[in-house]
Amino acid sequence: MARPLRSWMFVPGNRQRFLDKIYEVDRPPDAVFLDLEDGVIPEEKPAAREMVAEVLRRAQPGPLRTVRVNAVGTDWFRDDLEAIAVAGLEGVCVPKVERPEDVLEVARHLERLDGDVGIVVAIESAAGLIHAPEIAAAHPRVVAVMFGAEDYALDIGLGTKREGEAADLLYARSALVNAAAAARVLSIDGVFPDLDDPDGLLADIVQSRRLGFDAKSTFNPRQVELINERFSPTPDELAYARTVADAFEEATARGDASVAVGGQLVDRPIVLRALRLLEVAEELGIGLTEVSDG
């Protein structure tokens, strides 16, 4: 999965027109969750499996193809995995994970598949959050941990409407970021549910990035462009990162272990963060010419 993965969009697996639009939108998400779980009512799950499997078999260039199956232990879990075990599958999203054993169960089913199929685990309860570090590190196939904000809010008894910048979810979001970082996997923030609140969406995305999330999920293609924009390095960030890297290189040549840049003391950890930002820009195809031009 060595590609930029800033935006992850849920696509209902039982809606052919939505499945077709994945490859037609002007600004596609970096990854999709072809959904067999909450986005599909029980009566339509068999048909959805067939439709999703067909999308996978096409293996068209475009977003990373991940399927959200039903939770381990449900009546649909095994049928989901059987149906999507086809060429073109790049990842499996496992919802409502509360223990490492759930991850291992999915990994066992994936052993018979060719290719490097990753696992995205969704933390959606207090129990899942408590065990998030062990869950994130449960198996080498785990590539990301996602926060299921709405189910988590239900589990701990929050109200139905987001308050402010989701201040009531700060602890859970930060804990998940740390669990993912400790396991060296991606952290994906939950969706912002209000499609008619662009200011709220922006505030939520900005906070998400400040908390340390690598990416954000969404249900709506209208939110993808803003997510990708805000989860990409800005020209100012890149210009400063370049300045830091160059200044530290000069300091090292003089035998100094730190240097002052713009009045801020810069040592090795800050330099490493700057270099990482420059690497991300390179992966996204953002060149220094674009940075200098603003």
C-alpha atoms as a PDB file:
ATOM      1  CA  MET A   1       0.000   0.000   0.000  1.00  0.00           C
ATOM      2  CA  ALA A   2       2.904   2.355  -0.721  1.00  0.00           C
ATOM      3  CA  ARG A   3       0.878   5.285  -2.074  1.00  0.00           C
ATOM      4  CA  PRO A   4      -0.656   8.447  -0.590  1.00  0.00           C
ATOM      5  CA  LEU A   5      -3.729   7.440   1.416  1.00  0.00           C
ATOM      6  CA  ARG A   6      -5.284  10.619   2.776  1.00  0.00           C
ATOM      7  CA  SER A   7      -8.980  10.078   2.010  1.00  0.00           C
ATOM      8  CA  TRP A   8     -10.999   6.862   2.444  1.00  0.00           C
ATOM      9  CA  MET A   9     -14.560   6.894   1.109  1.00  0.00           C
ATOM     10  CA  PHE A  10     -17.326   4.443   1.996  1.00  0.00           C
ATOM     11  CA  VAL A  11     -19.286   3.209  -1.021  1.00  0.00           C
ATOM     12  CA  PRO A  12     -22.439   1.102  -0.468  1.00  0.00           C
ATOM     13  CA  GLY A  13     -21.895  -2.300  -2.060  1.00  0.00           C
ATOM     14  CA  ASN A  14     -25.516  -2.656  -3.153  1.00  0.00           C
ATOM     15  CA  ARG A  15     -25.698   0.514  -5.250  1.00  0.00           C
ATOM     16  CA  GLN A  16     -24.316  -0.096  -8.728  1.00  0.00           C
ATOM     17  CA  ARG A  17     -24.362   3.561  -9.768  1.00  0.00           C
ATOM     18  CA  PHE A  18     -22.230   4.490  -6.764  1.00  0.00           C
ATOM     19  CA  LEU A  19     -19.826   1.628  -7.478  1.00  0.00           C
ATOM     20  CA  ASP A  20     -19.479   2.790 -11.085  1.00  0.00           C
ATOM     21  CA  LYS A  21     -18.810   6.395 -10.050  1.00  0.00           C
ATOM     22  CA  ILE A  22     -15.683   5.377  -8.148  1.00  0.00           C
ATOM     23  CA  TYR A  23     -13.782   5.553 -11.442  1.00  0.00           C
ATOM     24  CA  GLU A  24     -15.685   8.492 -12.920  1.00  0.00           C
ATOM     25  CA  VAL A  25     -15.310  11.322 -10.410  1.00  0.00           C
ATOM     26  CA  ASP A  26     -12.871  14.120 -11.236  1.00  0.00           C
ATOM     27  CA  ARG A  27     -11.245  14.094  -7.814  1.00  0.00           C
ATOM     28  CA  PRO A  28     -11.398  10.523  -6.523  1.00  0.00           C
ATOM     29  CA  PRO A  29     -10.502   9.480  -2.988  1.00  0.00           C
ATOM     30  CA  ASP A  30      -7.184   7.800  -2.390  1.00  0.00           C
ATOM     31  CA  ALA A  31      -8.959   4.654  -1.145  1.00  0.00           C
ATOM     32  CA  VAL A  32     -12.474   3.248  -0.997  1.00  0.00           C
ATOM     33  CA  PHE A  33     -14.290   1.032   1.468  1.00  0.00           C
ATOM     34  CA  LEU A  34     -16.670  -1.051  -0.651  1.00  0.00           C
ATOM     35  CA  ASP A  35     -19.245  -1.541   2.053  1.00  0.00           C
ATOM     36  CA  LEU A  36     -20.979  -4.785   2.957  1.00  0.00           C
ATOM     37  CA  GLU A  37     -21.712  -3.816   6.559  1.00  0.00           C
ATOM     38  CA  ASP A  38     -23.825  -0.909   7.859  1.00  0.00           C
ATOM     39  CA  GLY A  39     -24.399   0.543   4.407  1.00  0.00           C
ATOM     40  CA  VAL A  40     -26.278  -2.572   3.253  1.00  0.00           C
ATOM     41  CA  ILE A  41     -29.477  -3.959   4.780  1.00  0.00           C
ATOM     42  CA  PRO A  42     -29.444  -7.723   5.555  1.00  0.00           C
ATOM     43  CA  GLU A  43     -31.779  -8.651   2.687  1.00  0.00           C
ATOM     44  CA  GLU A  44     -29.443  -7.092   0.127  1.00  0.00           C
ATOM     45  CA  LYS A  45     -26.117  -8.419   1.421  1.00  0.00           C
ATOM     46  CA  PRO A  46     -25.964 -11.452  -0.954  1.00  0.00           C
ATOM     47  CA  ALA A  47     -26.461  -9.227  -3.997  1.00  0.00           C
ATOM     48  CA  ALA A  48     -24.000  -6.677  -2.636  1.00  0.00           C
ATOM     49  CA  ARG A  49     -21.308  -9.354  -2.309  1.00  0.00           C
ATOM     50  CA  GLU A  50     -21.659 -10.223  -5.985  1.00  0.00           C
ATOM     51  CA  MET A  51     -21.586  -6.567  -7.047  1.00  0.00           C
ATOM     52  CA  VAL A  52     -18.513  -5.811  -4.967  1.00  0.00           C
ATOM     53  CA  ALA A  53     -16.713  -8.926  -6.216  1.00  0.00           C
ATOM     54  CA  GLU A  54     -17.341  -7.796  -9.787  1.00  0.00           C
ATOM     55  CA  VAL A  55     -15.832  -4.371  -9.064  1.00  0.00           C
ATOM     56  CA  LEU A  56     -12.771  -6.070  -7.604  1.00  0.00           C
ATOM     57  CA  ARG A  57     -12.343  -8.349 -10.617  1.00  0.00           C
ATOM     58  CA  ARG A  58     -12.195  -5.324 -12.930  1.00  0.00           C
ATOM     59  CA  ALA A  59      -9.088  -4.113 -11.068  1.00  0.00           C
ATOM     60  CA  GLN A  60      -9.182  -0.725 -12.780  1.00  0.00           C
ATOM     61  CA  PRO A  61      -6.552   1.885 -11.974  1.00  0.00           C
ATOM     62  CA  GLY A  62      -7.829   4.196  -9.288  1.00  0.00           C
ATOM     63  CA  PRO A  63      -8.406   4.255  -5.544  1.00  0.00           C
ATOM     64  CA  LEU A  64      -7.121   1.487  -3.298  1.00  0.00           C
ATOM     65  CA  ARG A  65      -9.827  -1.200  -3.203  1.00  0.00           C
ATOM     66  CA  THR A  66     -10.748  -2.193   0.347  1.00  0.00           C
ATOM     67  CA  VAL A  67     -13.919  -4.017   1.377  1.00  0.00           C
ATOM     68  CA  ARG A  68     -15.631  -3.424   4.712  1.00  0.00           C
ATOM     69  CA  VAL A  69     -16.983  -6.823   5.696  1.00  0.00           C
ATOM     70  CA  ASN A  70     -19.373  -7.536   8.548  1.00  0.00           C
ATOM     71  CA  ALA A  71     -17.912  -7.973  12.001  1.00  0.00           C
ATOM     72  CA  VAL A  72     -16.233 -11.178  13.140  1.00  0.00           C
ATOM     73  CA  GLY A  73     -18.846 -13.377  14.792  1.00  0.00           C
ATOM     74  CA  THR A  74     -21.814 -12.149  12.749  1.00  0.00           C
ATOM     75  CA  ASP A  75     -23.823 -14.449  10.490  1.00  0.00           C
ATOM     76  CA  TRP A  76     -22.459 -12.659   7.415  1.00  0.00           C
ATOM     77  CA  PHE A  77     -18.726 -12.527   8.183  1.00  0.00           C
ATOM     78  CA  ARG A  78     -17.580 -15.791   6.574  1.00  0.00           C
ATOM     79  CA  ASP A  79     -19.807 -15.363   3.503  1.00  0.00           C
ATOM     80  CA  ASP A  80     -18.388 -11.882   3.004  1.00  0.00           C
ATOM     81  CA  LEU A  81     -14.791 -13.106   3.011  1.00  0.00           C
ATOM     82  CA  GLU A  82     -15.602 -16.013   0.700  1.00  0.00           C
ATOM     83  CA  ALA A  83     -17.281 -13.710  -1.810  1.00  0.00           C
ATOM     84  CA  ILE A  84     -14.532 -11.079  -1.978  1.00  0.00           C
ATOM     85  CA  ALA A  85     -11.620 -13.528  -2.144  1.00  0.00           C
ATOM     86  CA  VAL A  86     -10.941 -12.567  -5.765  1.00  0.00           C
ATOM     87  CA  ALA A  87      -8.155 -10.932  -7.725  1.00  0.00           C
ATOM     88  CA  GLY A  88      -8.237  -7.177  -7.277  1.00  0.00           C
ATOM     89  CA  LEU A  89      -8.834  -7.163  -3.529  1.00  0.00           C
ATOM     90  CA  GLU A  90      -6.250  -4.927  -1.856  1.00  0.00           C
ATOM     91  CA  GLY A  91      -7.579  -4.659   1.669  1.00  0.00           C
ATOM     92  CA  VAL A  92     -10.236  -5.790   4.141  1.00  0.00           C
ATOM     93  CA  CYS A  93     -11.760  -3.423   6.663  1.00  0.00           C
ATOM     94  CA  VAL A  94     -12.913  -5.197   9.826  1.00  0.00           C
ATOM     95  CA  PRO A  95     -15.519  -3.271  11.841  1.00  0.00           C
ATOM     96  CA  LYS A  96     -16.167  -3.238  15.578  1.00  0.00           C
ATOM     97  CA  VAL A  97     -12.894  -4.891  16.536  1.00  0.00           C
ATOM     98  CA  GLU A  98     -12.524  -5.290  20.303  1.00  0.00           C
ATOM     99  CA  ARG A  99      -9.712  -7.825  20.695  1.00  0.00           C
ATOM    100  CA  PRO A 100      -6.605  -8.965  18.822  1.00  0.00           C
ATOM    101  CA  GLU A 101      -8.189 -12.382  18.211  1.00  0.00           C
ATOM    102  CA  ASP A 102     -10.640 -10.750  15.778  1.00  0.00           C
ATOM    103  CA  VAL A 103      -7.718  -9.594  13.650  1.00  0.00           C
ATOM    104  CA  LEU A 104      -6.077 -13.014  13.730  1.00  0.00           C
ATOM    105  CA  GLU A 105      -9.324 -14.623  12.584  1.00  0.00           C
ATOM    106  CA  VAL A 106      -9.411 -12.403   9.503  1.00  0.00           C
ATOM    107  CA  ALA A 107      -5.703 -12.959   8.823  1.00  0.00           C
ATOM    108  CA  ARG A 108      -6.255 -16.741   8.801  1.00  0.00           C
ATOM    109  CA  HIS A 109      -8.903 -16.368   6.103  1.00  0.00           C
ATOM    110  CA  LEU A 110      -6.586 -14.192   4.016  1.00  0.00           C
ATOM    111  CA  GLU A 111      -3.689 -16.654   4.054  1.00  0.00           C
ATOM    112  CA  ARG A 112      -5.050 -18.539   1.060  1.00  0.00           C
ATOM    113  CA  LEU A 113      -5.184 -15.410  -1.116  1.00  0.00           C
ATOM    114  CA  ASP A 114      -2.432 -14.344  -3.482  1.00  0.00           C
ATOM    115  CA  GLY A 115      -1.021 -10.886  -3.036  1.00  0.00           C
ATOM    116  CA  ASP A 116      -0.482  -8.556  -0.128  1.00  0.00           C
ATOM    117  CA  VAL A 117      -4.014  -7.981   1.158  1.00  0.00           C
ATOM    118  CA  GLY A 118      -3.919  -5.593   4.109  1.00  0.00           C
ATOM    119  CA  ILE A 119      -6.261  -5.263   7.075  1.00  0.00           C
ATOM    120  CA  VAL A 120      -7.826  -2.030   8.301  1.00  0.00           C
ATOM    121  CA  VAL A 121      -9.222  -2.442  11.809  1.00  0.00           C
ATOM    122  CA  ALA A 122     -12.038  -0.189  12.987  1.00  0.00           C
ATOM    123  CA  ILE A 123     -12.144   0.753  16.663  1.00  0.00           C
ATOM    124  CA  GLU A 124     -15.762   1.593  17.520  1.00  0.00           C
ATOM    125  CA  SER A 125     -16.245   0.941  21.237  1.00  0.00           C
ATOM    126  CA  ALA A 126     -14.717   1.630  24.628  1.00  0.00           C
ATOM    127  CA  ALA A 127     -13.499  -1.961  24.814  1.00  0.00           C
ATOM    128  CA  GLY A 128     -11.880  -1.654  21.400  1.00  0.00           C
ATOM    129  CA  LEU A 129     -10.150   1.571  22.392  1.00  0.00           C
ATOM    130  CA  ILE A 130      -8.741   0.031  25.566  1.00  0.00           C
ATOM    131  CA  HIS A 131      -7.225  -2.804  23.517  1.00  0.00           C
ATOM    132  CA  ALA A 132      -6.273  -0.611  20.528  1.00  0.00           C
ATOM    133  CA  PRO A 133      -2.485  -0.934  20.975  1.00  0.00           C
ATOM    134  CA  GLU A 134      -2.654  -4.754  20.983  1.00  0.00           C
ATOM    135  CA  ILE A 135      -5.160  -4.753  18.113  1.00  0.00           C
ATOM    136  CA  ALA A 136      -2.994  -2.474  15.958  1.00  0.00           C
ATOM    137  CA  ALA A 137       0.028  -4.733  16.502  1.00  0.00           C
ATOM    138  CA  ALA A 138      -1.873  -8.033  16.271  1.00  0.00           C
ATOM    139  CA  HIS A 139      -0.662  -9.098  12.814  1.00  0.00           C
ATOM    140  CA  PRO A 140       1.725  -7.888  10.069  1.00  0.00           C
ATOM    141  CA  ARG A 141      -1.233  -7.560   7.688  1.00  0.00           C
ATOM    142  CA  VAL A 142      -2.658  -4.659   9.720  1.00  0.00           C
ATOM    143  CA  VAL A 143      -1.951  -1.500   7.724  1.00  0.00           C
ATOM    144  CA  ALA A 144      -4.288   0.994   9.398  1.00  0.00           C
ATOM    145  CA  VAL A 145      -6.523   1.650  12.383  1.00  0.00           C
ATOM    146  CA  MET A 146      -9.731   3.615  11.834  1.00  0.00           C
ATOM    147  CA  PHE A 147     -11.855   5.432  14.401  1.00  0.00           C
ATOM    148  CA  GLY A 148     -15.570   4.620  14.173  1.00  0.00           C
ATOM    149  CA  ALA A 149     -16.745   7.808  15.839  1.00  0.00           C
ATOM    150  CA  GLU A 150     -20.494   7.329  15.663  1.00  0.00           C
ATOM    151  CA  ASP A 151     -20.539   3.799  17.069  1.00  0.00           C
ATOM    152  CA  TYR A 152     -18.044   4.825  19.732  1.00  0.00           C
ATOM    153  CA  ALA A 153     -20.244   7.773  20.721  1.00  0.00           C
ATOM    154  CA  LEU A 154     -23.197   5.409  20.994  1.00  0.00           C
ATOM    155  CA  ASP A 155     -21.211   2.998  23.145  1.00  0.00           C
ATOM    156  CA  ILE A 156     -20.209   5.613  25.708  1.00  0.00           C
ATOM    157  CA  GLY A 157     -23.583   7.362  25.715  1.00  0.00           C
ATOM    158  CA  LEU A 158     -22.937  10.653  23.914  1.00  0.00           C
ATOM    159  CA  GLY A 159     -25.715  12.727  22.367  1.00  0.00           C
ATOM    160  CA  THR A 160     -26.764  12.584  18.751  1.00  0.00           C
ATOM    161  CA  LYS A 161     -25.290  15.948  17.709  1.00  0.00           C
ATOM    162  CA  ARG A 162     -21.611  16.839  17.555  1.00  0.00           C
ATOM    163  CA  GLU A 163     -20.646  19.587  19.978  1.00  0.00           C
ATOM    164  CA  GLY A 164     -18.022  22.107  18.922  1.00  0.00           C
ATOM    165  CA  GLU A 165     -15.039  20.442  17.267  1.00  0.00           C
ATOM    166  CA  ALA A 166     -16.019  17.066  18.714  1.00  0.00           C
ATOM    167  CA  ALA A 167     -14.318  17.934  21.999  1.00  0.00           C
ATOM    168  CA  ASP A 168     -16.062  14.968  23.608  1.00  0.00           C
ATOM    169  CA  LEU A 169     -14.089  12.645  21.308  1.00  0.00           C
ATOM    170  CA  LEU A 170     -10.640  14.160  21.819  1.00  0.00           C
ATOM    171  CA  TYR A 171      -9.402  11.506  24.208  1.00  0.00           C
ATOM    172  CA  ALA A 172     -10.530   8.619  22.017  1.00  0.00           C
ATOM    173  CA  ARG A 173      -9.090  10.129  18.850  1.00  0.00           C
ATOM    174  CA  SER A 174      -5.731  10.881  20.472  1.00  0.00           C
ATOM    175  CA  ALA A 175      -5.567   7.410  22.019  1.00  0.00           C
ATOM    176  CA  LEU A 176      -6.195   5.813  18.627  1.00  0.00           C
ATOM    177  CA  VAL A 177      -3.498   7.936  16.952  1.00  0.00           C
ATOM    178  CA  ASN A 178      -1.014   6.828  19.583  1.00  0.00           C
ATOM    179  CA  ALA A 179      -1.986   3.161  19.233  1.00  0.00           C
ATOM    180  CA  ALA A 180      -1.496   3.330  15.468  1.00  0.00           C
ATOM    181  CA  ALA A 181       1.796   5.202  15.763  1.00  0.00           C
ATOM    182  CA  ALA A 182       3.139   2.679  18.276  1.00  0.00           C
ATOM    183  CA  ALA A 183       2.351  -0.143  15.827  1.00  0.00           C
ATOM    184  CA  ARG A 184       3.751   1.875  12.883  1.00  0.00           C
ATOM    185  CA  VAL A 185       0.492   1.746  10.941  1.00  0.00           C
ATOM    186  CA  LEU A 186      -1.768   4.458   9.500  1.00  0.00           C
ATOM    187  CA  SER A 187      -4.413   6.188  11.598  1.00  0.00           C
ATOM    188  CA  ILE A 188      -7.703   7.053   9.871  1.00  0.00           C
ATOM    189  CA  ASP A 189     -10.111   9.484  11.519  1.00  0.00           C
ATOM    190  CA  GLY A 190     -13.876   8.942  11.509  1.00  0.00           C
ATOM    191  CA  VAL A 191     -16.375  10.641   9.218  1.00  0.00           C
ATOM    192  CA  PHE A 192     -17.829  14.105   9.678  1.00  0.00           C
ATOM    193  CA  PRO A 193     -21.551  13.341   9.339  1.00  0.00           C
ATOM    194  CA  ASP A 194     -23.066  16.775   8.555  1.00  0.00           C
ATOM    195  CA  LEU A 195     -22.965  17.203   4.784  1.00  0.00           C
ATOM    196  CA  ASP A 196     -24.421  20.734   4.987  1.00  0.00           C
ATOM    197  CA  ASP A 197     -21.862  22.200   7.385  1.00  0.00           C
ATOM    198  CA  PRO A 198     -18.721  23.078   5.375  1.00  0.00           C
ATOM    199  CA  ASP A 199     -17.286  25.183   8.210  1.00  0.00           C
ATOM    200  CA  GLY A 200     -17.745  22.310  10.652  1.00  0.00           C
ATOM    201  CA  LEU A 201     -16.127  19.927   8.180  1.00  0.00           C
ATOM    202  CA  LEU A 202     -13.098  22.187   7.801  1.00  0.00           C
ATOM    203  CA  ALA A 203     -12.717  22.571  11.564  1.00  0.00           C
ATOM    204  CA  ASP A 204     -13.000  18.801  12.027  1.00  0.00           C
ATOM    205  CA  ILE A 205     -10.391  18.071   9.351  1.00  0.00           C
ATOM    206  CA  VAL A 206      -7.962  20.667  10.734  1.00  0.00           C
ATOM    207  CA  GLN A 207      -8.330  19.237  14.223  1.00  0.00           C
ATOM    208  CA  SER A 208      -7.901  15.719  12.876  1.00  0.00           C
ATOM    209  CA  ARG A 209      -4.577  16.571  11.291  1.00  0.00           C
ATOM    210  CA  ARG A 210      -3.406  18.449  14.387  1.00  0.00           C
ATOM    211  CA  LEU A 211      -4.152  15.380  16.489  1.00  0.00           C
ATOM    212  CA  GLY A 212      -1.804  13.389  14.272  1.00  0.00           C
ATOM    213  CA  PHE A 213      -4.157  11.410  12.042  1.00  0.00           C
ATOM    214  CA  ASP A 214      -2.720  10.303   8.699  1.00  0.00           C
ATOM    215  CA  ALA A 215      -6.059  10.265   6.893  1.00  0.00           C
ATOM    216  CA  LYS A 216      -9.794  10.763   7.217  1.00  0.00           C
ATOM    217  CA  SER A 217     -12.820   8.758   6.134  1.00  0.00           C
ATOM    218  CA  THR A 218     -15.978  10.082   4.482  1.00  0.00           C
ATOM    219  CA  PHE A 219     -19.329   8.966   3.108  1.00  0.00           C
ATOM    220  CA  ASN A 220     -19.570  11.709   0.504  1.00  0.00           C
ATOM    221  CA  PRO A 221     -17.417  12.538  -2.541  1.00  0.00           C
ATOM    222  CA  ARG A 222     -18.027  16.250  -1.908  1.00  0.00           C
ATOM    223  CA  GLN A 223     -15.742  16.040   1.132  1.00  0.00           C
ATOM    224  CA  VAL A 224     -12.849  14.301  -0.609  1.00  0.00           C
ATOM    225  CA  GLU A 225     -11.160  17.349  -2.149  1.00  0.00           C
ATOM    226  CA  LEU A 226     -10.977  19.221   1.157  1.00  0.00           C
ATOM    227  CA  ILE A 227      -9.689  16.139   2.988  1.00  0.00           C
ATOM    228  CA  ASN A 228      -6.946  15.608   0.398  1.00  0.00           C
ATOM    229  CA  GLU A 229      -6.014  19.272   0.455  1.00  0.00           C
ATOM    230  CA  ARG A 230      -5.763  19.504   4.236  1.00  0.00           C
ATOM    231  CA  PHE A 231      -3.928  16.198   4.604  1.00  0.00           C
ATOM    232  CA  SER A 232      -1.296  17.324   2.101  1.00  0.00           C
ATOM    233  CA  PRO A 233       1.675  19.513   3.081  1.00  0.00           C
ATOM    234  CA  THR A 234       1.075  23.214   2.466  1.00  0.00           C
ATOM    235  CA  PRO A 235       3.573  25.381   0.571  1.00  0.00           C
ATOM    236  CA  ASP A 236       4.490  27.194   3.809  1.00  0.00           C
ATOM    237  CA  GLU A 237       5.052  23.912   5.655  1.00  0.00           C
ATOM    238  CA  LEU A 238       7.259  22.601   2.886  1.00  0.00           C
ATOM    239  CA  ALA A 239       9.243  25.806   2.583  1.00  0.00           C
ATOM    240  CA  TYR A 240       9.962  25.744   6.310  1.00  0.00           C
ATOM    241  CA  ALA A 241      10.821  22.030   6.206  1.00  0.00           C
ATOM    242  CA  ARG A 242      13.306  22.685   3.398  1.00  0.00           C
ATOM    243  CA  THR A 243      14.852  25.554   5.367  1.00  0.00           C
ATOM    244  CA  VAL A 244      15.177  23.377   8.464  1.00  0.00           C
ATOM    245  CA  ALA A 245      16.744  20.494   6.533  1.00  0.00           C
ATOM    246  CA  ASP A 246      19.256  22.763   4.780  1.00  0.00           C
ATOM    247  CA  ALA A 247      20.187  24.614   7.966  1.00  0.00           C
ATOM    248  CA  PHE A 248      20.728  21.418   9.902  1.00  0.00           C
ATOM    249  CA  GLU A 249      22.865  19.968   7.112  1.00  0.00           C
ATOM    250  CA  GLU A 250      25.092  23.046   7.277  1.00  0.00           C
ATOM    251  CA  ALA A 251      25.234  22.791  11.084  1.00  0.00           C
ATOM    252  CA  THR A 252      26.220  19.141  10.909  1.00  0.00           C
ATOM    253  CA  ALA A 253      29.021  19.981   8.506  1.00  0.00           C
ATOM    254  CA  ARG A 254      30.328  22.424  11.137  1.00  0.00           C
ATOM    255  CA  GLY A 255      30.103  19.742  13.819  1.00  0.00           C
ATOM    256  CA  ASP A 256      27.027  21.221  15.559  1.00  0.00           C
ATOM    257  CA  ALA A 257      24.181  18.987  16.799  1.00  0.00           C
ATOM    258  CA  SER A 258      21.559  21.763  16.635  1.00  0.00           C
ATOM    259  CA  VAL A 259      20.890  25.067  14.904  1.00  0.00           C
ATOM    260  CA  ALA A 260      18.550  28.046  15.292  1.00  0.00           C
ATOM    261  CA  VAL A 261      16.046  28.614  12.479  1.00  0.00           C
ATOM    262  CA  GLY A 262      13.877  31.692  12.741  1.00  0.00           C
ATOM    263  CA  GLY A 263      14.561  31.922  16.444  1.00  0.00           C
ATOM    264  CA  GLN A 264      13.615  28.279  17.087  1.00  0.00           C
ATOM    265  CA  LEU A 265      16.179  25.753  18.255  1.00  0.00           C
ATOM    266  CA  VAL A 266      16.205  22.861  15.807  1.00  0.00           C
ATOM    267  CA  ASP A 267      17.674  19.489  16.746  1.00  0.00           C
ATOM    268  CA  ARG A 268      17.506  16.014  15.216  1.00  0.00           C
ATOM    269  CA  PRO A 269      13.842  15.090  16.013  1.00  0.00           C
ATOM    270  CA  ILE A 270      12.588  18.303  14.388  1.00  0.00           C
ATOM    271  CA  VAL A 271      14.798  17.696  11.367  1.00  0.00           C
ATOM    272  CA  LEU A 272      13.472  14.166  10.979  1.00  0.00           C
ATOM    273  CA  ARG A 273       9.916  15.528  10.997  1.00  0.00           C
ATOM    274  CA  ALA A 274      10.896  18.032   8.316  1.00  0.00           C
ATOM    275  CA  LEU A 275      12.458  15.331   6.161  1.00  0.00           C
ATOM    276  CA  ARG A 276       9.380  13.145   6.567  1.00  0.00           C
ATOM    277  CA  LEU A 277       7.186  16.022   5.375  1.00  0.00           C
ATOM    278  CA  LEU A 278       9.389  16.467   2.312  1.00  0.00           C
ATOM    279  CA  GLU A 279       9.116  12.730   1.579  1.00  0.00           C
ATOM    280  CA  VAL A 280       5.315  12.940   1.761  1.00  0.00           C
ATOM    281  CA  ALA A 281       5.372  15.844  -0.695  1.00  0.00           C
ATOM    282  CA  GLU A 282       7.476  13.785  -3.087  1.00  0.00           C
ATOM    283  CA  GLU A 283       5.026  10.875  -2.852  1.00  0.00           C
ATOM    284  CA  LEU A 284       2.173  13.266  -3.666  1.00  0.00           C
ATOM    285  CA  GLY A 285       4.066  14.766  -6.585  1.00  0.00           C
ATOM    286  CA  ILE A 286       4.378  18.203  -4.957  1.00  0.00           C
ATOM    287  CA  GLY A 287       7.647  19.628  -6.209  1.00  0.00           C
ATOM    288  CA  LEU A 288       9.771  22.458  -4.863  1.00  0.00           C
ATOM    289  CA  THR A 289       8.791  24.584  -7.878  1.00  0.00           C
ATOM    290  CA  GLU A 290       5.146  24.413  -6.799  1.00  0.00           C
ATOM    291  CA  VAL A 291       6.178  25.290  -3.241  1.00  0.00           C
ATOM    292  CA  SER A 292       8.209  28.331  -4.276  1.00  0.00           C
ATOM    293  CA  ASP A 293       5.447  29.514  -6.608  1.00  0.00           C
ATOM    294  CA  GLY A 294       2.898  29.252  -3.750  1.00  0.00           C
END
